[in-house]
Amino acid sequence: MKKKKSRIGVVISNKMNKTIVVEQNKIFKHPRYEKSFLIKKKYFVHDEKNISNIGDIVRFVEVRPISKKKYCKLIKIENIK
């Protein structure tokens, strides 16, 4: 059985019902030219209670597909300050 991946990201939209859009940023360095790139990826995350707000740092995990684009579920809101 595969281990479910846990990720951390920032909420950029909470306009949908029970769904938030989370952006995860990664810094990638080119192996030959050593230039750094910022790679952004957006995830549609299931938020059952609509508790997260824009700007919150959240932890989410991959689950079975909930809808066409949504395959992640909110675990908790991180308190990083």
N, C-alpha and C. Protein backbone atom coordinates (compact mmCIF):
# COMPACT_ATOMS: atom_id res chain seq x y z
N MET A 1 0.84 -1.18 0.00
CA MET A 1 0.00 0.00 0.00
C MET A 1 0.88 1.24 0.00
N LYS A 2 0.53 2.23 -0.83
CA LYS A 2 1.33 3.44 -0.94
C LYS A 2 1.08 4.36 0.25
N LYS A 3 2.13 5.04 0.66
CA LYS A 3 2.01 6.02 1.73
C LYS A 3 1.43 7.30 1.14
N LYS A 4 0.49 7.92 1.85
CA LYS A 4 -0.13 9.15 1.38
C LYS A 4 0.82 10.31 1.59
N LYS A 5 0.96 11.16 0.58
CA LYS A 5 1.87 12.29 0.67
C LYS A 5 1.22 13.44 1.43
N SER A 6 1.96 13.99 2.36
CA SER A 6 1.51 15.15 3.11
C SER A 6 2.25 16.37 2.58
N ARG A 7 1.53 17.47 2.38
CA ARG A 7 2.13 18.67 1.81
C ARG A 7 1.72 19.89 2.63
N ILE A 8 2.48 20.98 2.47
CA ILE A 8 2.20 22.24 3.13
C ILE A 8 2.13 23.32 2.06
N GLY A 9 1.13 24.23 2.19
CA GLY A 9 0.99 25.30 1.23
C GLY A 9 0.22 26.47 1.81
N VAL A 10 0.04 27.50 1.00
CA VAL A 10 -0.64 28.72 1.41
C VAL A 10 -1.98 28.80 0.67
N VAL A 11 -3.04 29.13 1.40
CA VAL A 11 -4.37 29.26 0.80
C VAL A 11 -4.42 30.54 -0.02
N ILE A 12 -4.78 30.41 -1.31
CA ILE A 12 -4.88 31.59 -2.16
C ILE A 12 -6.33 31.90 -2.55
N SER A 13 -7.26 30.96 -2.31
CA SER A 13 -8.66 31.20 -2.59
C SER A 13 -9.53 30.30 -1.74
N ASN A 14 -10.64 30.86 -1.22
CA ASN A 14 -11.60 30.06 -0.47
C ASN A 14 -13.03 30.41 -0.89
N LYS A 15 -13.23 30.78 -2.15
CA LYS A 15 -14.52 31.23 -2.63
C LYS A 15 -15.50 30.09 -2.90
N MET A 16 -15.00 28.88 -3.11
CA MET A 16 -15.87 27.75 -3.39
C MET A 16 -16.36 27.12 -2.08
N ASN A 17 -17.48 26.44 -2.17
CA ASN A 17 -18.04 25.78 -0.99
C ASN A 17 -17.29 24.47 -0.74
N LYS A 18 -16.73 24.32 0.45
CA LYS A 18 -16.00 23.13 0.89
C LYS A 18 -14.74 22.85 0.07
N THR A 19 -14.22 23.85 -0.63
CA THR A 19 -13.01 23.70 -1.43
C THR A 19 -12.14 24.93 -1.27
N ILE A 20 -10.84 24.71 -1.10
CA ILE A 20 -9.88 25.80 -1.08
C ILE A 20 -8.82 25.53 -2.14
N VAL A 21 -8.20 26.59 -2.61
CA VAL A 21 -7.10 26.45 -3.56
C VAL A 21 -5.82 26.77 -2.80
N VAL A 22 -4.89 25.83 -2.80
CA VAL A 22 -3.64 25.97 -2.06
C VAL A 22 -2.49 25.99 -3.05
N GLU A 23 -1.56 26.92 -2.86
CA GLU A 23 -0.39 27.04 -3.73
C GLU A 23 0.84 26.58 -2.98
N GLN A 24 1.61 25.72 -3.62
CA GLN A 24 2.85 25.22 -3.04
C GLN A 24 4.00 25.68 -3.91
N ASN A 25 5.01 26.30 -3.31
CA ASN A 25 6.17 26.81 -4.04
C ASN A 25 7.38 25.92 -3.79
N LYS A 26 8.11 25.63 -4.85
CA LYS A 26 9.35 24.85 -4.75
C LYS A 26 10.44 25.60 -5.49
N ILE A 27 11.64 25.58 -4.96
CA ILE A 27 12.78 26.18 -5.64
C ILE A 27 13.58 25.05 -6.27
N PHE A 28 13.77 25.15 -7.58
CA PHE A 28 14.47 24.13 -8.36
C PHE A 28 15.72 24.76 -8.94
N LYS A 29 16.85 24.11 -8.78
CA LYS A 29 18.10 24.61 -9.32
C LYS A 29 18.51 23.75 -10.52
N HIS A 30 18.80 24.42 -11.63
CA HIS A 30 19.17 23.71 -12.84
C HIS A 30 20.50 23.00 -12.59
N PRO A 31 20.61 21.71 -12.96
CA PRO A 31 21.83 20.97 -12.65
C PRO A 31 23.08 21.45 -13.38
N ARG A 32 22.91 21.97 -14.60
CA ARG A 32 24.08 22.38 -15.36
C ARG A 32 24.36 23.88 -15.24
N TYR A 33 23.33 24.69 -15.38
CA TYR A 33 23.52 26.14 -15.42
C TYR A 33 23.38 26.80 -14.05
N GLU A 34 22.91 26.06 -13.07
CA GLU A 34 22.80 26.50 -11.69
C GLU A 34 21.91 27.73 -11.50
N LYS A 35 20.97 27.92 -12.40
CA LYS A 35 19.99 29.00 -12.22
C LYS A 35 18.84 28.46 -11.38
N SER A 36 18.33 29.29 -10.48
CA SER A 36 17.23 28.88 -9.63
C SER A 36 15.90 29.27 -10.26
N PHE A 37 14.94 28.36 -10.19
CA PHE A 37 13.60 28.58 -10.70
C PHE A 37 12.60 28.40 -9.57
N LEU A 38 11.54 29.18 -9.59
CA LEU A 38 10.45 29.03 -8.65
C LEU A 38 9.32 28.31 -9.36
N ILE A 39 8.97 27.13 -8.87
CA ILE A 39 7.90 26.34 -9.46
C ILE A 39 6.69 26.43 -8.54
N LYS A 40 5.56 26.88 -9.10
CA LYS A 40 4.33 27.00 -8.33
C LYS A 40 3.35 25.94 -8.79
N LYS A 41 2.70 25.29 -7.84
CA LYS A 41 1.69 24.29 -8.16
C LYS A 41 0.46 24.57 -7.32
N LYS A 42 -0.72 24.48 -7.95
CA LYS A 42 -1.97 24.72 -7.25
C LYS A 42 -2.68 23.39 -7.01
N TYR A 43 -3.24 23.25 -5.83
CA TYR A 43 -4.00 22.08 -5.45
C TYR A 43 -5.40 22.50 -5.02
N PHE A 44 -6.40 21.75 -5.44
CA PHE A 44 -7.75 21.93 -4.94
C PHE A 44 -7.90 21.00 -3.75
N VAL A 45 -8.18 21.57 -2.58
CA VAL A 45 -8.18 20.81 -1.33
C VAL A 45 -9.58 20.84 -0.73
N HIS A 46 -10.03 19.69 -0.25
CA HIS A 46 -11.35 19.57 0.37
C HIS A 46 -11.29 20.10 1.80
N ASP A 47 -12.13 21.10 2.08
CA ASP A 47 -12.22 21.72 3.41
C ASP A 47 -13.66 21.55 3.88
N GLU A 48 -13.94 20.50 4.63
CA GLU A 48 -15.31 20.12 4.99
C GLU A 48 -16.05 21.21 5.75
N LYS A 49 -15.38 21.90 6.68
CA LYS A 49 -16.05 22.86 7.56
C LYS A 49 -15.86 24.32 7.14
N ASN A 50 -15.20 24.56 6.02
CA ASN A 50 -14.94 25.93 5.54
C ASN A 50 -14.27 26.79 6.61
N ILE A 51 -13.20 26.28 7.23
CA ILE A 51 -12.57 27.00 8.34
C ILE A 51 -11.33 27.79 7.92
N SER A 52 -10.79 27.55 6.76
CA SER A 52 -9.55 28.22 6.37
C SER A 52 -9.83 29.53 5.66
N ASN A 53 -8.90 30.46 5.78
CA ASN A 53 -9.00 31.77 5.15
C ASN A 53 -7.80 32.00 4.24
N ILE A 54 -7.89 33.03 3.41
CA ILE A 54 -6.79 33.36 2.50
C ILE A 54 -5.57 33.77 3.31
N GLY A 55 -4.42 33.22 2.96
CA GLY A 55 -3.18 33.53 3.65
C GLY A 55 -2.80 32.52 4.71
N ASP A 56 -3.69 31.61 5.07
CA ASP A 56 -3.37 30.58 6.07
C ASP A 56 -2.39 29.57 5.50
N ILE A 57 -1.51 29.08 6.34
CA ILE A 57 -0.61 27.99 5.97
C ILE A 57 -1.25 26.70 6.44
N VAL A 58 -1.50 25.79 5.50
CA VAL A 58 -2.24 24.58 5.81
C VAL A 58 -1.44 23.33 5.44
N ARG A 59 -1.78 22.25 6.12
CA ARG A 59 -1.22 20.93 5.82
C ARG A 59 -2.35 20.09 5.23
N PHE A 60 -2.06 19.43 4.09
CA PHE A 60 -3.07 18.59 3.45
C PHE A 60 -2.44 17.30 2.98
N VAL A 61 -3.28 16.31 2.72
CA VAL A 61 -2.81 14.98 2.35
C VAL A 61 -3.59 14.50 1.13
N GLU A 62 -2.95 13.67 0.31
CA GLU A 62 -3.60 13.09 -0.85
C GLU A 62 -4.55 11.98 -0.40
N VAL A 63 -5.73 11.95 -1.01
CA VAL A 63 -6.73 10.92 -0.74
C VAL A 63 -7.30 10.44 -2.08
N ARG A 64 -8.29 9.58 -2.01
CA ARG A 64 -8.95 9.13 -3.24
C ARG A 64 -9.62 10.32 -3.90
N PRO A 65 -9.88 10.27 -5.19
CA PRO A 65 -10.50 11.41 -5.86
C PRO A 65 -11.88 11.74 -5.28
N ILE A 66 -12.06 13.01 -4.94
CA ILE A 66 -13.34 13.48 -4.41
C ILE A 66 -14.19 14.05 -5.54
N SER A 67 -13.55 14.71 -6.49
CA SER A 67 -14.23 15.22 -7.68
C SER A 67 -13.23 15.18 -8.83
N LYS A 68 -13.54 15.88 -9.92
CA LYS A 68 -12.69 15.83 -11.10
C LYS A 68 -11.28 16.35 -10.83
N LYS A 69 -11.16 17.49 -10.10
CA LYS A 69 -9.85 18.09 -9.83
C LYS A 69 -9.40 17.94 -8.39
N LYS A 70 -10.27 17.50 -7.51
CA LYS A 70 -9.99 17.53 -6.08
C LYS A 70 -9.60 16.13 -5.59
N TYR A 71 -8.34 15.99 -5.15
CA TYR A 71 -7.86 14.71 -4.62
C TYR A 71 -7.03 14.88 -3.37
N CYS A 72 -7.21 16.02 -2.67
CA CYS A 72 -6.50 16.28 -1.42
C CYS A 72 -7.50 16.69 -0.36
N LYS A 73 -7.13 16.44 0.90
CA LYS A 73 -8.00 16.76 2.02
C LYS A 73 -7.22 17.53 3.07
N LEU A 74 -7.86 18.55 3.63
CA LEU A 74 -7.23 19.39 4.66
C LEU A 74 -7.07 18.60 5.94
N ILE A 75 -5.84 18.66 6.53
CA ILE A 75 -5.59 18.01 7.81
C ILE A 75 -5.70 19.03 8.92
N LYS A 76 -4.89 20.11 8.83
CA LYS A 76 -4.95 21.14 9.85
C LYS A 76 -4.36 22.44 9.34
N ILE A 77 -4.66 23.51 10.08
CA ILE A 77 -4.10 24.82 9.79
C ILE A 77 -2.89 25.00 10.69
N GLU A 78 -1.73 25.26 10.08
CA GLU A 78 -0.49 25.41 10.84
C GLU A 78 -0.44 26.78 11.50
N ASN A 79 0.10 26.85 12.70
CA ASN A 79 0.27 28.11 13.42
C ASN A 79 1.74 28.51 13.38
N ILE A 80 2.17 29.06 12.25
CA ILE A 80 3.56 29.46 12.09
C ILE A 80 3.61 30.98 12.11
N LYS A 81 4.17 31.55 13.15
CA LYS A 81 4.31 33.01 13.25
C LYS A 81 5.60 33.36 13.93
